[in-house]
């Protein structure tokens, strides 16, 4: 009987560990499913938004940095109209391009949010990374909203803060 209890306990433990295993989220967006033709956007109003993001922040001195995970949220704040993002370009602290996220304009459905995630191990943006978003909307539509959430946890310490986009054009 004791052996049976040990066996059942082992099976339960094994099953529980596999079921609750933490998995890395799949942050790869299939941009091709969201693309639109440029000619559809010809009659729309254009704009640009700047967003500051931080892959690292200084800690204790200007020689020590703390690495952060960055989540960039591209939000459509409209209840009935799509917004279109034609470019999302990531720059480092020196203003060098790190990455452009899609080749053709994409759409964001009403009240939808699309996230871009920069892993904590990716330090390319440094302490002064930036995004420039180019977008298009109908004349009577609200501009998209861009927000950055930076977070890191180590042991019992946590650090998090947000930034908001500024329309520059």
C-alpha atoms as a PDB file:
ATOM      1  CA  UNK A   1       0.000   0.000   0.000  1.00  0.00           C
ATOM      2  CA  UNK A   2       2.836   2.362   0.861  1.00  0.00           C
ATOM      3  CA  UNK A   3       4.488   1.703  -2.522  1.00  0.00           C
ATOM      4  CA  UNK A   4       1.199   2.501  -4.271  1.00  0.00           C
ATOM      5  CA  UNK A   5       0.960   5.830  -2.423  1.00  0.00           C
ATOM      6  CA  UNK A   6       4.547   6.695  -3.380  1.00  0.00           C
ATOM      7  CA  UNK A   7       3.821   5.797  -6.999  1.00  0.00           C
ATOM      8  CA  UNK A   8       0.637   7.896  -7.070  1.00  0.00           C
ATOM      9  CA  UNK A   9       2.475  10.790  -5.421  1.00  0.00           C
ATOM     10  CA  UNK A  10       5.282  10.585  -7.983  1.00  0.00           C
ATOM     11  CA  UNK A  11       2.819  10.472 -10.903  1.00  0.00           C
ATOM     12  CA  UNK A  12       0.906  13.457  -9.474  1.00  0.00           C
ATOM     13  CA  UNK A  13       4.125  15.420  -8.947  1.00  0.00           C
ATOM     14  CA  UNK A  14       5.371  14.622 -12.457  1.00  0.00           C
ATOM     15  CA  UNK A  15       2.041  15.594 -14.033  1.00  0.00           C
ATOM     16  CA  UNK A  16       1.829  18.832 -12.018  1.00  0.00           C
ATOM     17  CA  UNK A  17       5.337  19.935 -12.968  1.00  0.00           C
ATOM     18  CA  UNK A  18       4.720  19.414 -16.672  1.00  0.00           C
ATOM     19  CA  UNK A  19       1.317  21.079 -16.632  1.00  0.00           C
ATOM     20  CA  UNK A  20       2.510  24.203 -14.812  1.00  0.00           C
ATOM     21  CA  UNK A  21       5.771  24.517 -16.698  1.00  0.00           C
ATOM     22  CA  UNK A  22       6.478  28.138 -17.591  1.00  0.00           C
ATOM     23  CA  UNK A  23       6.730  28.670 -21.306  1.00  0.00           C
ATOM     24  CA  UNK A  24       8.330  31.564 -23.122  1.00  0.00           C
ATOM     25  CA  UNK A  25       5.558  33.615 -24.776  1.00  0.00           C
ATOM     26  CA  UNK A  26       5.539  33.672 -28.548  1.00  0.00           C
ATOM     27  CA  UNK A  27       6.037  37.348 -29.366  1.00  0.00           C
ATOM     28  CA  UNK A  28       6.477  36.877 -33.083  1.00  0.00           C
ATOM     29  CA  UNK A  29       3.697  38.780 -34.789  1.00  0.00           C
ATOM     30  CA  UNK A  30       2.707  37.595 -38.264  1.00  0.00           C
ATOM     31  CA  UNK A  31       2.686  41.030 -39.897  1.00  0.00           C
ATOM     32  CA  UNK A  32       1.687  39.596 -43.290  1.00  0.00           C
ATOM     33  CA  UNK A  33      -1.804  38.816 -41.924  1.00  0.00           C
ATOM     34  CA  UNK A  34      -2.211  42.504 -41.006  1.00  0.00           C
ATOM     35  CA  UNK A  35      -0.815  44.205 -44.101  1.00  0.00           C
ATOM     36  CA  UNK A  36      -2.792  46.530 -46.335  1.00  0.00           C
ATOM     37  CA  UNK A  37      -2.036  47.935 -49.756  1.00  0.00           C
ATOM     38  CA  UNK A  38      -0.495  51.416 -49.839  1.00  0.00           C
ATOM     39  CA  UNK A  39      -3.102  52.669 -52.340  1.00  0.00           C
ATOM     40  CA  UNK A  40      -5.852  52.130 -49.726  1.00  0.00           C
ATOM     41  CA  UNK A  41      -4.121  54.698 -47.521  1.00  0.00           C
ATOM     42  CA  UNK A  42      -3.735  57.449 -50.136  1.00  0.00           C
ATOM     43  CA  UNK A  43      -6.777  59.448 -48.978  1.00  0.00           C
ATOM     44  CA  UNK A  44      -5.966  59.234 -45.242  1.00  0.00           C
ATOM     45  CA  UNK A  45      -4.297  61.779 -42.945  1.00  0.00           C
ATOM     46  CA  UNK A  46      -0.709  61.069 -41.870  1.00  0.00           C
ATOM     47  CA  UNK A  47       1.007  61.501 -38.539  1.00  0.00           C
ATOM     48  CA  UNK A  48       4.109  60.550 -36.553  1.00  0.00           C
ATOM     49  CA  UNK A  49       4.555  59.685 -32.902  1.00  0.00           C
ATOM     50  CA  UNK A  50       7.763  59.556 -30.845  1.00  0.00           C
ATOM     51  CA  UNK A  51       8.067  57.108 -27.918  1.00  0.00           C
ATOM     52  CA  UNK A  52      11.017  56.843 -25.546  1.00  0.00           C
ATOM     53  CA  UNK A  53      11.879  53.359 -24.266  1.00  0.00           C
ATOM     54  CA  UNK A  54      14.572  52.100 -21.942  1.00  0.00           C
ATOM     55  CA  UNK A  55      16.339  48.740 -22.335  1.00  0.00           C
ATOM     56  CA  UNK A  56      18.524  49.787 -19.418  1.00  0.00           C
ATOM     57  CA  UNK A  57      18.463  52.345 -16.615  1.00  0.00           C
ATOM     58  CA  UNK A  58      21.356  53.534 -14.494  1.00  0.00           C
ATOM     59  CA  UNK A  59      21.594  52.058 -11.006  1.00  0.00           C
ATOM     60  CA  UNK A  60      23.799  53.440  -8.208  1.00  0.00           C
ATOM     61  CA  UNK A  61      26.133  55.258 -10.651  1.00  0.00           C
ATOM     62  CA  UNK A  62      26.628  56.017 -14.328  1.00  0.00           C
ATOM     63  CA  UNK A  63      28.767  52.874 -14.565  1.00  0.00           C
ATOM     64  CA  UNK A  64      26.118  50.366 -13.448  1.00  0.00           C
ATOM     65  CA  UNK A  65      22.945  49.640 -15.401  1.00  0.00           C
ATOM     66  CA  UNK A  66      19.853  47.548 -14.738  1.00  0.00           C
ATOM     67  CA  UNK A  67      18.360  45.646 -17.721  1.00  0.00           C
ATOM     68  CA  UNK A  68      14.631  45.928 -18.469  1.00  0.00           C
ATOM     69  CA  UNK A  69      11.996  44.163 -20.544  1.00  0.00           C
ATOM     70  CA  UNK A  70      10.159  46.649 -22.746  1.00  0.00           C
ATOM     71  CA  UNK A  71       6.573  46.238 -23.929  1.00  0.00           C
ATOM     72  CA  UNK A  72       5.433  48.722 -26.562  1.00  0.00           C
ATOM     73  CA  UNK A  73       1.674  48.922 -26.944  1.00  0.00           C
ATOM     74  CA  UNK A  74       0.202  50.285 -30.153  1.00  0.00           C
ATOM     75  CA  UNK A  75      -3.428  51.069 -29.317  1.00  0.00           C
ATOM     76  CA  UNK A  76      -6.370  51.972 -31.491  1.00  0.00           C
ATOM     77  CA  UNK A  77      -8.546  54.152 -29.254  1.00  0.00           C
ATOM     78  CA  UNK A  78     -11.397  54.342 -31.766  1.00  0.00           C
ATOM     79  CA  UNK A  79     -14.622  52.413 -31.334  1.00  0.00           C
ATOM     80  CA  UNK A  80     -15.428  51.964 -35.022  1.00  0.00           C
ATOM     81  CA  UNK A  81     -12.494  52.881 -37.305  1.00  0.00           C
ATOM     82  CA  UNK A  82      -9.240  51.087 -38.016  1.00  0.00           C
ATOM     83  CA  UNK A  83      -5.892  52.858 -37.775  1.00  0.00           C
ATOM     84  CA  UNK A  84      -2.933  52.050 -39.979  1.00  0.00           C
ATOM     85  CA  UNK A  85       0.702  51.951 -38.909  1.00  0.00           C
ATOM     86  CA  UNK A  86       3.033  52.386 -41.882  1.00  0.00           C
ATOM     87  CA  UNK A  87       6.338  52.248 -39.952  1.00  0.00           C
ATOM     88  CA  UNK A  88       7.604  51.314 -36.497  1.00  0.00           C
ATOM     89  CA  UNK A  89      11.323  51.994 -36.226  1.00  0.00           C
ATOM     90  CA  UNK A  90      13.464  51.336 -33.138  1.00  0.00           C
ATOM     91  CA  UNK A  91      16.539  53.509 -32.496  1.00  0.00           C
ATOM     92  CA  UNK A  92      19.292  53.227 -29.885  1.00  0.00           C
ATOM     93  CA  UNK A  93      20.605  55.963 -27.564  1.00  0.00           C
ATOM     94  CA  UNK A  94      22.853  57.309 -30.338  1.00  0.00           C
ATOM     95  CA  UNK A  95      19.992  57.552 -32.851  1.00  0.00           C
ATOM     96  CA  UNK A  96      21.098  54.542 -34.922  1.00  0.00           C
ATOM     97  CA  UNK A  97      18.362  52.314 -36.334  1.00  0.00           C
ATOM     98  CA  UNK A  98      18.175  48.983 -34.532  1.00  0.00           C
ATOM     99  CA  UNK A  99      15.123  47.488 -36.219  1.00  0.00           C
ATOM    100  CA  UNK A 100      12.145  48.248 -38.433  1.00  0.00           C
ATOM    101  CA  UNK A 101       9.212  46.041 -37.545  1.00  0.00           C
ATOM    102  CA  UNK A 102       7.280  45.614 -40.801  1.00  0.00           C
ATOM    103  CA  UNK A 103       7.713  46.295 -44.517  1.00  0.00           C
ATOM    104  CA  UNK A 104       4.133  47.200 -45.445  1.00  0.00           C
ATOM    105  CA  UNK A 105       1.473  49.190 -43.566  1.00  0.00           C
ATOM    106  CA  UNK A 106      -0.556  47.215 -41.033  1.00  0.00           C
ATOM    107  CA  UNK A 107      -4.009  47.782 -39.573  1.00  0.00           C
ATOM    108  CA  UNK A 108      -5.146  47.844 -35.967  1.00  0.00           C
ATOM    109  CA  UNK A 109      -8.824  47.085 -35.428  1.00  0.00           C
ATOM    110  CA  UNK A 110     -11.049  49.322 -33.285  1.00  0.00           C
ATOM    111  CA  UNK A 111     -10.072  49.173 -29.586  1.00  0.00           C
ATOM    112  CA  UNK A 112      -7.349  46.622 -30.359  1.00  0.00           C
ATOM    113  CA  UNK A 113      -3.826  46.711 -28.910  1.00  0.00           C
ATOM    114  CA  UNK A 114      -0.773  45.207 -30.601  1.00  0.00           C
ATOM    115  CA  UNK A 115       2.382  44.737 -28.564  1.00  0.00           C
ATOM    116  CA  UNK A 116       6.047  44.697 -29.465  1.00  0.00           C
ATOM    117  CA  UNK A 117       8.315  43.132 -26.836  1.00  0.00           C
ATOM    118  CA  UNK A 118      12.028  43.768 -26.382  1.00  0.00           C
ATOM    119  CA  UNK A 119      13.465  41.055 -24.164  1.00  0.00           C
ATOM    120  CA  UNK A 120      15.417  41.968 -21.050  1.00  0.00           C
ATOM    121  CA  UNK A 121      18.545  40.397 -22.535  1.00  0.00           C
ATOM    122  CA  UNK A 122      18.377  42.730 -25.563  1.00  0.00           C
ATOM    123  CA  UNK A 123      20.398  45.784 -24.506  1.00  0.00           C
ATOM    124  CA  UNK A 124      20.668  47.325 -27.987  1.00  0.00           C
ATOM    125  CA  UNK A 125      18.477  50.342 -27.187  1.00  0.00           C
ATOM    126  CA  UNK A 126      20.522  51.289 -24.164  1.00  0.00           C
ATOM    127  CA  UNK A 127      19.475  53.952 -21.696  1.00  0.00           C
ATOM    128  CA  UNK A 128      17.858  56.200 -24.288  1.00  0.00           C
ATOM    129  CA  UNK A 129      16.125  54.078 -26.916  1.00  0.00           C
ATOM    130  CA  UNK A 130      13.438  55.580 -29.124  1.00  0.00           C
ATOM    131  CA  UNK A 131      10.640  54.552 -31.457  1.00  0.00           C
ATOM    132  CA  UNK A 132       9.198  56.553 -34.307  1.00  0.00           C
ATOM    133  CA  UNK A 133       5.781  55.426 -35.522  1.00  0.00           C
ATOM    134  CA  UNK A 134       4.294  56.644 -38.789  1.00  0.00           C
ATOM    135  CA  UNK A 135       0.556  56.171 -39.097  1.00  0.00           C
ATOM    136  CA  UNK A 136      -2.554  57.035 -41.117  1.00  0.00           C
ATOM    137  CA  UNK A 137      -6.152  57.645 -40.084  1.00  0.00           C
ATOM    138  CA  UNK A 138      -9.439  58.918 -41.487  1.00  0.00           C
ATOM    139  CA  UNK A 139     -10.003  62.645 -40.977  1.00  0.00           C
ATOM    140  CA  UNK A 140     -12.550  62.157 -38.172  1.00  0.00           C
ATOM    141  CA  UNK A 141     -10.602  59.389 -36.406  1.00  0.00           C
ATOM    142  CA  UNK A 142      -8.504  59.687 -33.234  1.00  0.00           C
ATOM    143  CA  UNK A 143      -4.756  59.215 -33.564  1.00  0.00           C
ATOM    144  CA  UNK A 144      -3.378  55.901 -32.269  1.00  0.00           C
ATOM    145  CA  UNK A 145      -1.958  55.842 -28.738  1.00  0.00           C
ATOM    146  CA  UNK A 146       1.548  54.493 -28.083  1.00  0.00           C
ATOM    147  CA  UNK A 147       2.767  53.466 -24.650  1.00  0.00           C
ATOM    148  CA  UNK A 148       5.919  51.811 -23.327  1.00  0.00           C
ATOM    149  CA  UNK A 149       6.021  49.666 -20.200  1.00  0.00           C
ATOM    150  CA  UNK A 150       9.445  48.848 -18.801  1.00  0.00           C
ATOM    151  CA  UNK A 151       9.773  46.173 -16.115  1.00  0.00           C
ATOM    152  CA  UNK A 152      12.351  44.034 -14.387  1.00  0.00           C
ATOM    153  CA  UNK A 153      12.293  41.795 -11.349  1.00  0.00           C
ATOM    154  CA  UNK A 154      15.256  40.251  -9.601  1.00  0.00           C
ATOM    155  CA  UNK A 155      14.878  38.422  -6.302  1.00  0.00           C
ATOM    156  CA  UNK A 156      12.524  40.519  -4.206  1.00  0.00           C
ATOM    157  CA  UNK A 157      13.224  43.742  -6.092  1.00  0.00           C
ATOM    158  CA  UNK A 158      10.977  45.000  -8.853  1.00  0.00           C
ATOM    159  CA  UNK A 159      11.187  48.020 -11.099  1.00  0.00           C
ATOM    160  CA  UNK A 160       8.539  49.247 -13.504  1.00  0.00           C
ATOM    161  CA  UNK A 161       7.477  52.470 -15.191  1.00  0.00           C
ATOM    162  CA  UNK A 162       5.685  53.695 -18.295  1.00  0.00           C
ATOM    163  CA  UNK A 163       6.221  56.216 -21.067  1.00  0.00           C
ATOM    164  CA  UNK A 164       3.685  57.699 -23.471  1.00  0.00           C
ATOM    165  CA  UNK A 165       4.058  58.688 -27.077  1.00  0.00           C
ATOM    166  CA  UNK A 166       4.244  62.307 -28.194  1.00  0.00           C
ATOM    167  CA  UNK A 167       2.802  63.316 -31.546  1.00  0.00           C
ATOM    168  CA  UNK A 168       5.564  65.006 -33.562  1.00  0.00           C
ATOM    169  CA  UNK A 169       3.804  65.446 -36.892  1.00  0.00           C
END
